[in-house]
């Protein structure tokens, strides 16, 4: 099969890879309808994360089940399914508490490489969720978004306790940040401040529910949020980048007693313990437990209540994956979808 392999920073190739097979009786093999490039894929692409030899890429996926192991009971061949970037059994004590991305048996789908024609999904019963029927082609992007960026933005909004009567600020205007805006709106937030300097992303944020746009960053961005909230700060702030600047900005824009949901993959972030202590700010986040939200998100998409697929502003065939990486790296695209 064809699949994307990263050989070195900036060196992404589509090449022949071995077809996946059932390894364990709890596995399933799916034929992908679509996959995509994630913002987190850019960390190794830019040389910030180490590239350990040729590595299969991709952890977002949606497609049709082709084969299941003998122990799989919840999905069957022919069903269209969506899964999380971490496989989980969905039965352990951690999973039952709603943190499937820290399942005691978790496995990374990124290590298996979802930017490909087919994918082996471990722990299929606990990882995959079937759609009510076979989706039409126009719905596939939204279902694919549920595999990561929608679920991650949703977790960020939940972790920040976005809801009725609350002012929410979103730090980061990438795909996860835009999905956090959508989630905050759906959760009933009264006011949503999107922090963005890019006009096209600002427009999509407004369409997803943002009521205010702040273009400044760092201390100036914090000052603008404080100014807009009578000097108090937002009740809920979603940090969707993962840098020192974005985390400092998120904490600074939060009012005492407020909540920060941090879902940007952290890179060289350190916190001033004394400043955090006196801020009375709650911090919660980490790798999103997407599996917790998949049934609800699929239902919302299936019934036309949300349209997260609009976050994909570039669609290319799988064979042009290197172009998709370049477009996202150069910020010519928010998120690139790869048709298989």
C-alpha atoms as a PDB file:
ATOM      1  CA  UNK A   1       0.000   0.000   0.000  1.00  0.00           C
ATOM      2  CA  UNK A   2       0.987   3.651  -0.289  1.00  0.00           C
ATOM      3  CA  UNK A   3       1.857   5.521   2.887  1.00  0.00           C
ATOM      4  CA  UNK A   4       3.613   8.657   4.098  1.00  0.00           C
ATOM      5  CA  UNK A   5       7.061   8.252   5.618  1.00  0.00           C
ATOM      6  CA  UNK A   6       9.229  10.987   7.151  1.00  0.00           C
ATOM      7  CA  UNK A   7      12.920  10.352   6.535  1.00  0.00           C
ATOM      8  CA  UNK A   8      14.300  13.564   8.036  1.00  0.00           C
ATOM      9  CA  UNK A   9      13.092  17.065   8.874  1.00  0.00           C
ATOM     10  CA  UNK A  10      11.488  18.482   5.748  1.00  0.00           C
ATOM     11  CA  UNK A  11      11.812  15.133   3.934  1.00  0.00           C
ATOM     12  CA  UNK A  12       8.376  13.527   3.593  1.00  0.00           C
ATOM     13  CA  UNK A  13       7.789  10.858   0.960  1.00  0.00           C
ATOM     14  CA  UNK A  14       4.866   8.746  -0.211  1.00  0.00           C
ATOM     15  CA  UNK A  15       6.156   5.229  -0.740  1.00  0.00           C
ATOM     16  CA  UNK A  16       5.163   1.610  -0.705  1.00  0.00           C
ATOM     17  CA  UNK A  17       4.620   0.225   2.774  1.00  0.00           C
ATOM     18  CA  UNK A  18       3.652  -3.241   3.919  1.00  0.00           C
ATOM     19  CA  UNK A  19      -0.096  -3.871   4.048  1.00  0.00           C
ATOM     20  CA  UNK A  20      -1.369  -4.114   7.631  1.00  0.00           C
ATOM     21  CA  UNK A  21      -2.731  -7.416   8.878  1.00  0.00           C
ATOM     22  CA  UNK A  22      -4.461  -8.673  11.992  1.00  0.00           C
ATOM     23  CA  UNK A  23      -1.737  -9.202  14.602  1.00  0.00           C
ATOM     24  CA  UNK A  24      -3.852  -9.617  17.721  1.00  0.00           C
ATOM     25  CA  UNK A  25      -7.435 -10.907  17.984  1.00  0.00           C
ATOM     26  CA  UNK A  26      -8.451  -7.452  19.268  1.00  0.00           C
ATOM     27  CA  UNK A  27      -7.258  -5.715  16.060  1.00  0.00           C
ATOM     28  CA  UNK A  28      -9.185  -4.349  13.110  1.00  0.00           C
ATOM     29  CA  UNK A  29      -7.901  -3.294   9.692  1.00  0.00           C
ATOM     30  CA  UNK A  30      -9.616  -0.362   8.016  1.00  0.00           C
ATOM     31  CA  UNK A  31      -9.401   1.101   4.524  1.00  0.00           C
ATOM     32  CA  UNK A  32      -9.132   4.843   4.980  1.00  0.00           C
ATOM     33  CA  UNK A  33     -11.493   7.214   3.218  1.00  0.00           C
ATOM     34  CA  UNK A  34      -9.375  10.183   4.248  1.00  0.00           C
ATOM     35  CA  UNK A  35      -6.555  11.183   6.549  1.00  0.00           C
ATOM     36  CA  UNK A  36      -4.791  14.491   7.162  1.00  0.00           C
ATOM     37  CA  UNK A  37      -1.751  16.389   8.348  1.00  0.00           C
ATOM     38  CA  UNK A  38      -1.833  17.524  11.983  1.00  0.00           C
ATOM     39  CA  UNK A  39      -0.148  20.566  13.461  1.00  0.00           C
ATOM     40  CA  UNK A  40       1.766  18.198  15.729  1.00  0.00           C
ATOM     41  CA  UNK A  41       3.235  16.525  12.611  1.00  0.00           C
ATOM     42  CA  UNK A  42       5.020  19.808  11.949  1.00  0.00           C
ATOM     43  CA  UNK A  43       7.177  19.516  15.080  1.00  0.00           C
ATOM     44  CA  UNK A  44       9.342  16.721  13.577  1.00  0.00           C
ATOM     45  CA  UNK A  45       8.948  18.193  10.086  1.00  0.00           C
ATOM     46  CA  UNK A  46      10.587  21.382  11.360  1.00  0.00           C
ATOM     47  CA  UNK A  47      13.275  19.463  13.239  1.00  0.00           C
ATOM     48  CA  UNK A  48      11.978  20.458  16.687  1.00  0.00           C
ATOM     49  CA  UNK A  49      11.108  16.845  17.554  1.00  0.00           C
ATOM     50  CA  UNK A  50      13.670  14.209  16.671  1.00  0.00           C
ATOM     51  CA  UNK A  51      13.072  12.042  13.606  1.00  0.00           C
ATOM     52  CA  UNK A  52      14.301   8.548  14.450  1.00  0.00           C
ATOM     53  CA  UNK A  53      14.945   7.114  10.998  1.00  0.00           C
ATOM     54  CA  UNK A  54      12.206   6.573   8.401  1.00  0.00           C
ATOM     55  CA  UNK A  55       8.959   6.888  10.355  1.00  0.00           C
ATOM     56  CA  UNK A  56       5.376   6.273   9.205  1.00  0.00           C
ATOM     57  CA  UNK A  57       3.281   9.386   9.741  1.00  0.00           C
ATOM     58  CA  UNK A  58      -0.275  10.267  10.683  1.00  0.00           C
ATOM     59  CA  UNK A  59      -2.693   9.584  13.510  1.00  0.00           C
ATOM     60  CA  UNK A  60      -6.067  10.868  12.228  1.00  0.00           C
ATOM     61  CA  UNK A  61      -8.315   8.507  10.325  1.00  0.00           C
ATOM     62  CA  UNK A  62     -11.801   7.570   9.213  1.00  0.00           C
ATOM     63  CA  UNK A  63     -12.766   4.736   6.924  1.00  0.00           C
ATOM     64  CA  UNK A  64     -14.382   1.364   6.370  1.00  0.00           C
ATOM     65  CA  UNK A  65     -13.601  -1.786   8.343  1.00  0.00           C
ATOM     66  CA  UNK A  66     -12.128  -4.481   6.098  1.00  0.00           C
ATOM     67  CA  UNK A  67     -11.219  -7.179   8.625  1.00  0.00           C
ATOM     68  CA  UNK A  68     -11.498  -7.803  12.363  1.00  0.00           C
ATOM     69  CA  UNK A  69      -9.782 -10.136  14.774  1.00  0.00           C
ATOM     70  CA  UNK A  70     -11.629 -12.994  16.394  1.00  0.00           C
ATOM     71  CA  UNK A  71     -12.180 -11.133  19.689  1.00  0.00           C
ATOM     72  CA  UNK A  72     -13.705  -7.994  18.145  1.00  0.00           C
ATOM     73  CA  UNK A  73     -17.454  -7.663  18.711  1.00  0.00           C
ATOM     74  CA  UNK A  74     -18.416  -3.964  18.494  1.00  0.00           C
ATOM     75  CA  UNK A  75     -17.531  -3.290  14.842  1.00  0.00           C
ATOM     76  CA  UNK A  76     -17.745  -5.446  11.750  1.00  0.00           C
ATOM     77  CA  UNK A  77     -16.488  -5.380   8.162  1.00  0.00           C
ATOM     78  CA  UNK A  78     -18.340  -2.887   5.995  1.00  0.00           C
ATOM     79  CA  UNK A  79     -18.988  -0.348   8.737  1.00  0.00           C
ATOM     80  CA  UNK A  80     -17.662   3.203   8.516  1.00  0.00           C
ATOM     81  CA  UNK A  81     -15.707   4.016  11.673  1.00  0.00           C
ATOM     82  CA  UNK A  82     -13.834   6.836  13.379  1.00  0.00           C
ATOM     83  CA  UNK A  83     -11.194   6.324  16.057  1.00  0.00           C
ATOM     84  CA  UNK A  84      -8.875   8.239  18.347  1.00  0.00           C
ATOM     85  CA  UNK A  85      -5.124   8.777  17.943  1.00  0.00           C
ATOM     86  CA  UNK A  86      -4.604   6.553  20.988  1.00  0.00           C
ATOM     87  CA  UNK A  87      -6.002   3.036  21.001  1.00  0.00           C
ATOM     88  CA  UNK A  88      -7.657   2.194  24.323  1.00  0.00           C
ATOM     89  CA  UNK A  89      -9.527  -0.736  25.779  1.00  0.00           C
ATOM     90  CA  UNK A  90     -12.252   1.613  27.109  1.00  0.00           C
ATOM     91  CA  UNK A  91     -12.766  -0.742  30.053  1.00  0.00           C
ATOM     92  CA  UNK A  92      -9.876  -0.085  32.455  1.00  0.00           C
ATOM     93  CA  UNK A  93     -10.359   2.132  35.489  1.00  0.00           C
ATOM     94  CA  UNK A  94      -8.685   5.108  33.791  1.00  0.00           C
ATOM     95  CA  UNK A  95     -10.854   4.743  30.683  1.00  0.00           C
ATOM     96  CA  UNK A  96     -14.010   4.498  32.775  1.00  0.00           C
ATOM     97  CA  UNK A  97     -13.022   7.780  34.414  1.00  0.00           C
ATOM     98  CA  UNK A  98     -12.986   9.375  30.947  1.00  0.00           C
ATOM     99  CA  UNK A  99      -9.258   9.485  30.222  1.00  0.00           C
ATOM    100  CA  UNK A 100      -8.893   6.919  27.450  1.00  0.00           C
ATOM    101  CA  UNK A 101      -5.749   8.622  26.146  1.00  0.00           C
ATOM    102  CA  UNK A 102      -4.069   7.420  29.367  1.00  0.00           C
ATOM    103  CA  UNK A 103      -5.524   3.903  29.164  1.00  0.00           C
ATOM    104  CA  UNK A 104      -3.300   1.394  30.948  1.00  0.00           C
ATOM    105  CA  UNK A 105      -3.105  -0.525  27.642  1.00  0.00           C
ATOM    106  CA  UNK A 106      -2.962   2.463  25.293  1.00  0.00           C
ATOM    107  CA  UNK A 107      -1.131   2.266  21.977  1.00  0.00           C
ATOM    108  CA  UNK A 108      -0.203   5.150  19.692  1.00  0.00           C
ATOM    109  CA  UNK A 109      -1.798   5.110  16.265  1.00  0.00           C
ATOM    110  CA  UNK A 110       0.884   7.552  15.162  1.00  0.00           C
ATOM    111  CA  UNK A 111       3.469   4.797  15.467  1.00  0.00           C
ATOM    112  CA  UNK A 112       1.453   2.744  12.961  1.00  0.00           C
ATOM    113  CA  UNK A 113       1.022   5.583  10.459  1.00  0.00           C
ATOM    114  CA  UNK A 114      -2.505   6.637   9.507  1.00  0.00           C
ATOM    115  CA  UNK A 115      -1.420   8.673   6.471  1.00  0.00           C
ATOM    116  CA  UNK A 116      -1.841   5.597   4.318  1.00  0.00           C
ATOM    117  CA  UNK A 117      -4.364   3.550   2.392  1.00  0.00           C
ATOM    118  CA  UNK A 118      -4.958   1.110   5.236  1.00  0.00           C
ATOM    119  CA  UNK A 119      -4.413   1.048   8.983  1.00  0.00           C
ATOM    120  CA  UNK A 120      -4.300  -1.605  11.694  1.00  0.00           C
ATOM    121  CA  UNK A 121      -6.214  -0.381  14.729  1.00  0.00           C
ATOM    122  CA  UNK A 122      -5.375  -2.145  18.009  1.00  0.00           C
ATOM    123  CA  UNK A 123      -7.996  -2.593  20.715  1.00  0.00           C
ATOM    124  CA  UNK A 124     -10.686  -2.042  18.109  1.00  0.00           C
ATOM    125  CA  UNK A 125     -13.636  -2.584  20.455  1.00  0.00           C
ATOM    126  CA  UNK A 126     -12.499   0.218  22.718  1.00  0.00           C
ATOM    127  CA  UNK A 127     -11.100   2.534  20.055  1.00  0.00           C
ATOM    128  CA  UNK A 128     -13.452   2.583  17.072  1.00  0.00           C
ATOM    129  CA  UNK A 129     -16.948   4.052  16.912  1.00  0.00           C
ATOM    130  CA  UNK A 130     -19.184   3.193  13.970  1.00  0.00           C
ATOM    131  CA  UNK A 131     -21.342   5.796  12.280  1.00  0.00           C
ATOM    132  CA  UNK A 132     -25.106   5.121  11.964  1.00  0.00           C
ATOM    133  CA  UNK A 133     -24.672   4.328   8.279  1.00  0.00           C
ATOM    134  CA  UNK A 134     -22.372   4.938   5.342  1.00  0.00           C
ATOM    135  CA  UNK A 135     -21.709   8.698   5.162  1.00  0.00           C
ATOM    136  CA  UNK A 136     -21.796  10.572   1.891  1.00  0.00           C
ATOM    137  CA  UNK A 137     -18.571  12.043   0.640  1.00  0.00           C
ATOM    138  CA  UNK A 138     -19.341  15.541   1.913  1.00  0.00           C
ATOM    139  CA  UNK A 139     -19.547  14.330   5.530  1.00  0.00           C
ATOM    140  CA  UNK A 140     -16.184  12.560   5.562  1.00  0.00           C
ATOM    141  CA  UNK A 141     -14.104  15.684   6.400  1.00  0.00           C
ATOM    142  CA  UNK A 142     -16.200  16.407   9.484  1.00  0.00           C
ATOM    143  CA  UNK A 143     -15.980  12.798  10.673  1.00  0.00           C
ATOM    144  CA  UNK A 144     -12.235  12.875  10.113  1.00  0.00           C
ATOM    145  CA  UNK A 145     -11.985  16.061  12.196  1.00  0.00           C
ATOM    146  CA  UNK A 146     -13.637  14.170  15.068  1.00  0.00           C
ATOM    147  CA  UNK A 147     -10.654  11.793  15.123  1.00  0.00           C
ATOM    148  CA  UNK A 148      -8.420  14.460  16.639  1.00  0.00           C
ATOM    149  CA  UNK A 149      -8.773  18.225  16.246  1.00  0.00           C
ATOM    150  CA  UNK A 150     -12.491  18.414  17.037  1.00  0.00           C
ATOM    151  CA  UNK A 151     -12.156  16.085  20.015  1.00  0.00           C
ATOM    152  CA  UNK A 152      -9.047  17.926  21.172  1.00  0.00           C
ATOM    153  CA  UNK A 153     -10.682  21.351  20.904  1.00  0.00           C
ATOM    154  CA  UNK A 154     -13.730  19.940  22.689  1.00  0.00           C
ATOM    155  CA  UNK A 155     -11.606  18.594  25.533  1.00  0.00           C
ATOM    156  CA  UNK A 156      -9.865  21.961  25.794  1.00  0.00           C
ATOM    157  CA  UNK A 157     -13.219  23.693  26.150  1.00  0.00           C
ATOM    158  CA  UNK A 158     -14.449  21.147  28.717  1.00  0.00           C
ATOM    159  CA  UNK A 159     -11.193  21.345  30.686  1.00  0.00           C
ATOM    160  CA  UNK A 160     -11.546  25.138  30.728  1.00  0.00           C
ATOM    161  CA  UNK A 161     -15.147  24.722  31.921  1.00  0.00           C
ATOM    162  CA  UNK A 162     -16.584  26.732  29.037  1.00  0.00           C
ATOM    163  CA  UNK A 163     -20.318  27.086  29.420  1.00  0.00           C
ATOM    164  CA  UNK A 164     -23.306  29.392  29.880  1.00  0.00           C
ATOM    165  CA  UNK A 165     -22.528  32.815  31.308  1.00  0.00           C
ATOM    166  CA  UNK A 166     -18.801  32.428  30.753  1.00  0.00           C
ATOM    167  CA  UNK A 167     -16.301  34.400  28.704  1.00  0.00           C
ATOM    168  CA  UNK A 168     -13.905  32.120  26.863  1.00  0.00           C
ATOM    169  CA  UNK A 169     -10.592  33.117  25.276  1.00  0.00           C
ATOM    170  CA  UNK A 170      -8.849  30.840  22.786  1.00  0.00           C
ATOM    171  CA  UNK A 171      -5.080  31.135  22.372  1.00  0.00           C
ATOM    172  CA  UNK A 172      -4.135  29.703  18.985  1.00  0.00           C
ATOM    173  CA  UNK A 173      -5.897  29.944  15.634  1.00  0.00           C
ATOM    174  CA  UNK A 174      -4.858  26.624  14.160  1.00  0.00           C
ATOM    175  CA  UNK A 175      -7.296  23.780  13.620  1.00  0.00           C
ATOM    176  CA  UNK A 176      -7.512  22.881  17.326  1.00  0.00           C
ATOM    177  CA  UNK A 177      -8.064  26.506  18.336  1.00  0.00           C
ATOM    178  CA  UNK A 178     -10.833  26.902  15.765  1.00  0.00           C
ATOM    179  CA  UNK A 179     -12.448  23.680  16.963  1.00  0.00           C
ATOM    180  CA  UNK A 180     -12.228  25.011  20.522  1.00  0.00           C
ATOM    181  CA  UNK A 181     -14.215  28.040  19.401  1.00  0.00           C
ATOM    182  CA  UNK A 182     -16.845  25.723  17.902  1.00  0.00           C
ATOM    183  CA  UNK A 183     -16.914  23.649  21.092  1.00  0.00           C
ATOM    184  CA  UNK A 184     -17.208  26.676  23.386  1.00  0.00           C
ATOM    185  CA  UNK A 185     -20.139  27.924  21.334  1.00  0.00           C
ATOM    186  CA  UNK A 186     -21.834  24.540  21.420  1.00  0.00           C
ATOM    187  CA  UNK A 187     -21.272  24.321  25.199  1.00  0.00           C
ATOM    188  CA  UNK A 188     -23.136  27.605  25.623  1.00  0.00           C
ATOM    189  CA  UNK A 189     -20.389  30.176  26.246  1.00  0.00           C
ATOM    190  CA  UNK A 190     -21.727  33.722  26.343  1.00  0.00           C
ATOM    191  CA  UNK A 191     -18.661  35.395  24.865  1.00  0.00           C
ATOM    192  CA  UNK A 192     -15.777  33.886  22.897  1.00  0.00           C
ATOM    193  CA  UNK A 193     -12.556  35.793  22.257  1.00  0.00           C
ATOM    194  CA  UNK A 194     -10.467  34.321  19.437  1.00  0.00           C
ATOM    195  CA  UNK A 195      -6.835  35.397  19.480  1.00  0.00           C
ATOM    196  CA  UNK A 196      -5.709  35.477  15.852  1.00  0.00           C
ATOM    197  CA  UNK A 197      -3.695  37.622  13.471  1.00  0.00           C
ATOM    198  CA  UNK A 198      -4.839  35.920  10.257  1.00  0.00           C
ATOM    199  CA  UNK A 199      -7.917  37.252   8.491  1.00  0.00           C
ATOM    200  CA  UNK A 200      -9.127  33.960   6.995  1.00  0.00           C
ATOM    201  CA  UNK A 201      -8.849  32.217  10.359  1.00  0.00           C
ATOM    202  CA  UNK A 202     -10.564  35.120  12.098  1.00  0.00           C
ATOM    203  CA  UNK A 203     -13.472  34.795   9.683  1.00  0.00           C
ATOM    204  CA  UNK A 204     -13.862  31.067  10.311  1.00  0.00           C
ATOM    205  CA  UNK A 205     -13.625  31.671  14.060  1.00  0.00           C
ATOM    206  CA  UNK A 206     -16.477  34.189  13.795  1.00  0.00           C
ATOM    207  CA  UNK A 207     -18.538  31.724  11.775  1.00  0.00           C
ATOM    208  CA  UNK A 208     -17.919  29.099  14.456  1.00  0.00           C
ATOM    209  CA  UNK A 209     -19.092  31.437  17.215  1.00  0.00           C
ATOM    210  CA  UNK A 210     -16.358  33.920  18.168  1.00  0.00           C
ATOM    211  CA  UNK A 211     -17.767  37.238  19.358  1.00  0.00           C
ATOM    212  CA  UNK A 212     -14.437  39.120  19.653  1.00  0.00           C
ATOM    213  CA  UNK A 213     -11.095  39.030  17.847  1.00  0.00           C
ATOM    214  CA  UNK A 214      -7.817  39.961  19.539  1.00  0.00           C
ATOM    215  CA  UNK A 215      -4.874  40.291  17.168  1.00  0.00           C
ATOM    216  CA  UNK A 216      -2.184  41.063  19.736  1.00  0.00           C
ATOM    217  CA  UNK A 217       0.040  38.411  21.302  1.00  0.00           C
ATOM    218  CA  UNK A 218       1.991  38.076  24.544  1.00  0.00           C
ATOM    219  CA  UNK A 219       1.573  40.809  27.137  1.00  0.00           C
ATOM    220  CA  UNK A 220      -0.308  42.990  24.667  1.00  0.00           C
ATOM    221  CA  UNK A 221      -2.761  40.170  23.995  1.00  0.00           C
ATOM    222  CA  UNK A 222      -3.266  39.643  27.724  1.00  0.00           C
ATOM    223  CA  UNK A 223      -3.875  43.383  28.171  1.00  0.00           C
ATOM    224  CA  UNK A 224      -6.534  43.327  25.455  1.00  0.00           C
ATOM    225  CA  UNK A 225      -8.375  40.433  27.098  1.00  0.00           C
ATOM    226  CA  UNK A 226      -8.219  42.151  30.490  1.00  0.00           C
ATOM    227  CA  UNK A 227      -9.482  45.363  28.938  1.00  0.00           C
ATOM    228  CA  UNK A 228     -12.403  43.496  27.368  1.00  0.00           C
ATOM    229  CA  UNK A 229     -13.330  41.850  30.692  1.00  0.00           C
ATOM    230  CA  UNK A 230     -13.308  44.813  33.065  1.00  0.00           C
ATOM    231  CA  UNK A 231      -9.774  43.999  34.153  1.00  0.00           C
ATOM    232  CA  UNK A 232     -10.702  40.549  35.442  1.00  0.00           C
ATOM    233  CA  UNK A 233      -9.718  38.187  32.629  1.00  0.00           C
ATOM    234  CA  UNK A 234     -11.675  35.399  30.979  1.00  0.00           C
ATOM    235  CA  UNK A 235     -13.443  32.707  32.996  1.00  0.00           C
ATOM    236  CA  UNK A 236     -12.134  30.031  30.620  1.00  0.00           C
ATOM    237  CA  UNK A 237      -9.016  30.029  28.430  1.00  0.00           C
ATOM    238  CA  UNK A 238      -8.058  27.325  25.953  1.00  0.00           C
ATOM    239  CA  UNK A 239      -4.353  27.033  25.147  1.00  0.00           C
ATOM    240  CA  UNK A 240      -4.038  25.336  21.754  1.00  0.00           C
ATOM    241  CA  UNK A 241      -0.411  25.898  20.722  1.00  0.00           C
ATOM    242  CA  UNK A 242       2.037  24.383  23.230  1.00  0.00           C
ATOM    243  CA  UNK A 243       4.743  27.059  23.435  1.00  0.00           C
ATOM    244  CA  UNK A 244       6.055  29.095  26.360  1.00  0.00           C
ATOM    245  CA  UNK A 245       4.494  32.247  24.941  1.00  0.00           C
ATOM    246  CA  UNK A 246       1.062  30.698  24.431  1.00  0.00           C
ATOM    247  CA  UNK A 247       0.948  29.150  27.913  1.00  0.00           C
ATOM    248  CA  UNK A 248       2.086  32.372  29.585  1.00  0.00           C
ATOM    249  CA  UNK A 249      -0.494  34.279  27.562  1.00  0.00           C
ATOM    250  CA  UNK A 250      -3.249  31.816  28.487  1.00  0.00           C
ATOM    251  CA  UNK A 251      -2.546  31.973  32.231  1.00  0.00           C
ATOM    252  CA  UNK A 252      -2.215  35.747  32.141  1.00  0.00           C
ATOM    253  CA  UNK A 253      -5.566  36.140  30.376  1.00  0.00           C
ATOM    254  CA  UNK A 254      -7.426  34.038  32.991  1.00  0.00           C
ATOM    255  CA  UNK A 255      -9.193  35.606  35.948  1.00  0.00           C
ATOM    256  CA  UNK A 256      -8.539  34.433  39.524  1.00  0.00           C
ATOM    257  CA  UNK A 257     -10.498  31.231  40.001  1.00  0.00           C
ATOM    258  CA  UNK A 258     -10.699  30.715  36.226  1.00  0.00           C
ATOM    259  CA  UNK A 259      -9.731  27.639  34.260  1.00  0.00           C
ATOM    260  CA  UNK A 260      -7.133  26.986  31.571  1.00  0.00           C
ATOM    261  CA  UNK A 261      -7.610  23.969  29.311  1.00  0.00           C
ATOM    262  CA  UNK A 262      -4.221  23.278  27.736  1.00  0.00           C
ATOM    263  CA  UNK A 263      -4.258  20.949  24.748  1.00  0.00           C
ATOM    264  CA  UNK A 264      -1.323  22.212  22.680  1.00  0.00           C
ATOM    265  CA  UNK A 265       1.485  19.640  22.783  1.00  0.00           C
ATOM    266  CA  UNK A 266       3.935  21.233  25.220  1.00  0.00           C
ATOM    267  CA  UNK A 267       7.409  22.152  23.945  1.00  0.00           C
ATOM    268  CA  UNK A 268       9.912  23.678  26.370  1.00  0.00           C
ATOM    269  CA  UNK A 269       7.193  25.161  28.561  1.00  0.00           C
ATOM    270  CA  UNK A 270       8.049  25.985  32.168  1.00  0.00           C
ATOM    271  CA  UNK A 271       5.786  27.574  34.754  1.00  0.00           C
ATOM    272  CA  UNK A 272       6.566  30.089  37.471  1.00  0.00           C
ATOM    273  CA  UNK A 273       5.262  28.210  40.502  1.00  0.00           C
ATOM    274  CA  UNK A 274       4.967  31.283  42.717  1.00  0.00           C
ATOM    275  CA  UNK A 275       3.099  33.269  40.074  1.00  0.00           C
ATOM    276  CA  UNK A 276       0.795  30.330  39.419  1.00  0.00           C
ATOM    277  CA  UNK A 277       0.212  29.874  43.150  1.00  0.00           C
ATOM    278  CA  UNK A 278      -1.009  33.444  43.607  1.00  0.00           C
ATOM    279  CA  UNK A 279      -3.055  33.482  40.394  1.00  0.00           C
ATOM    280  CA  UNK A 280      -5.710  31.043  41.664  1.00  0.00           C
ATOM    281  CA  UNK A 281      -5.867  29.679  38.109  1.00  0.00           C
ATOM    282  CA  UNK A 282      -6.855  26.057  37.532  1.00  0.00           C
ATOM    283  CA  UNK A 283      -4.845  24.118  34.934  1.00  0.00           C
ATOM    284  CA  UNK A 284      -6.119  20.968  33.266  1.00  0.00           C
ATOM    285  CA  UNK A 285      -5.323  19.342  29.949  1.00  0.00           C
ATOM    286  CA  UNK A 286      -3.064  16.925  28.175  1.00  0.00           C
ATOM    287  CA  UNK A 287      -3.613  14.484  25.307  1.00  0.00           C
ATOM    288  CA  UNK A 288      -7.325  14.708  24.612  1.00  0.00           C
ATOM    289  CA  UNK A 289      -9.403  11.649  25.515  1.00  0.00           C
ATOM    290  CA  UNK A 290     -11.086  11.839  22.109  1.00  0.00           C
ATOM    291  CA  UNK A 291     -12.772   8.450  22.563  1.00  0.00           C
ATOM    292  CA  UNK A 292     -14.816   9.915  25.447  1.00  0.00           C
ATOM    293  CA  UNK A 293     -16.474  12.383  23.090  1.00  0.00           C
ATOM    294  CA  UNK A 294     -16.696  10.406  19.832  1.00  0.00           C
ATOM    295  CA  UNK A 295     -20.283   9.115  20.192  1.00  0.00           C
ATOM    296  CA  UNK A 296     -21.589  12.627  20.941  1.00  0.00           C
ATOM    297  CA  UNK A 297     -19.502  14.292  18.239  1.00  0.00           C
ATOM    298  CA  UNK A 298     -20.479  11.757  15.583  1.00  0.00           C
ATOM    299  CA  UNK A 299     -24.138  12.271  16.480  1.00  0.00           C
ATOM    300  CA  UNK A 300     -23.808  16.064  16.190  1.00  0.00           C
ATOM    301  CA  UNK A 301     -22.094  15.738  12.815  1.00  0.00           C
ATOM    302  CA  UNK A 302     -24.470  13.076  11.505  1.00  0.00           C
ATOM    303  CA  UNK A 303     -27.501  15.219  12.328  1.00  0.00           C
ATOM    304  CA  UNK A 304     -26.013  18.371  10.839  1.00  0.00           C
ATOM    305  CA  UNK A 305     -25.694  20.321  14.084  1.00  0.00           C
ATOM    306  CA  UNK A 306     -21.980  21.077  13.637  1.00  0.00           C
ATOM    307  CA  UNK A 307     -19.730  21.258  10.570  1.00  0.00           C
ATOM    308  CA  UNK A 308     -16.122  20.906  11.749  1.00  0.00           C
ATOM    309  CA  UNK A 309     -14.973  19.757   8.303  1.00  0.00           C
ATOM    310  CA  UNK A 310     -14.747  23.369   7.169  1.00  0.00           C
ATOM    311  CA  UNK A 311     -11.459  23.602   9.063  1.00  0.00           C
ATOM    312  CA  UNK A 312      -9.867  21.743   6.133  1.00  0.00           C
ATOM    313  CA  UNK A 313      -8.953  24.469   3.666  1.00  0.00           C
ATOM    314  CA  UNK A 314      -6.723  22.329   1.465  1.00  0.00           C
ATOM    315  CA  UNK A 315      -7.609  18.932  -0.011  1.00  0.00           C
ATOM    316  CA  UNK A 316      -5.044  16.861  -1.881  1.00  0.00           C
ATOM    317  CA  UNK A 317      -4.656  13.208  -2.875  1.00  0.00           C
ATOM    318  CA  UNK A 318      -2.452  11.083  -0.649  1.00  0.00           C
ATOM    319  CA  UNK A 319       0.298  11.092  -3.285  1.00  0.00           C
ATOM    320  CA  UNK A 320       0.716  14.851  -2.776  1.00  0.00           C
ATOM    321  CA  UNK A 321       1.284  14.641   0.979  1.00  0.00           C
ATOM    322  CA  UNK A 322       4.656  16.457   0.772  1.00  0.00           C
ATOM    323  CA  UNK A 323       2.829  19.453  -0.696  1.00  0.00           C
ATOM    324  CA  UNK A 324       0.321  19.312   2.171  1.00  0.00           C
ATOM    325  CA  UNK A 325       3.147  19.423   4.719  1.00  0.00           C
ATOM    326  CA  UNK A 326       4.745  22.396   2.970  1.00  0.00           C
ATOM    327  CA  UNK A 327       1.468  24.305   2.831  1.00  0.00           C
ATOM    328  CA  UNK A 328       0.860  23.874   6.541  1.00  0.00           C
ATOM    329  CA  UNK A 329       4.468  24.592   7.452  1.00  0.00           C
ATOM    330  CA  UNK A 330       4.287  27.859   5.489  1.00  0.00           C
ATOM    331  CA  UNK A 331       0.868  28.691   6.996  1.00  0.00           C
ATOM    332  CA  UNK A 332      -0.774  28.652   3.594  1.00  0.00           C
ATOM    333  CA  UNK A 333      -3.263  26.141   4.974  1.00  0.00           C
ATOM    334  CA  UNK A 334      -4.930  25.715   8.352  1.00  0.00           C
ATOM    335  CA  UNK A 335      -5.294  21.976   7.906  1.00  0.00           C
ATOM    336  CA  UNK A 336      -4.703  19.740   4.893  1.00  0.00           C
ATOM    337  CA  UNK A 337      -6.936  16.767   4.146  1.00  0.00           C
ATOM    338  CA  UNK A 338      -5.529  13.833   2.187  1.00  0.00           C
ATOM    339  CA  UNK A 339      -7.974  11.836   0.099  1.00  0.00           C
ATOM    340  CA  UNK A 340      -7.105   8.163  -0.132  1.00  0.00           C
END
